[in-house]
Amino acid sequence: MSTPSQTILVTGANKGIGLEICRQLARIKHHVILSARSLERGQTAVNALTKEGLKVEFLQLDTAGMRRNLVVTIVILACYA
């Protein structure tokens, strides 16, 4: 039984567990948004997953800033809801 595709934002996903979560979610065809504070590291992670044939988007995000989080939430809702 397959599950419907969902849009999933993974924070701190440029390495380690976050990167692997993105990989596994993309493999089962979810719409994955990989986020990281570092633009360079985030894009490097997305490029690595893309080379594996996976579809992942990048969003630069620092979760420490509450105002920034509100803006990101509004952008995600506007684009993906």
Foldseek 3Di string as FASTA:
>chain_A
DADDAEEDEQEPQLDDPNLVVQLVSQVSPHAYEYEYQDPVSQVVSCVVSVVVVGDYHYDYDDVVDPVRVVVVVVVCVVPPD
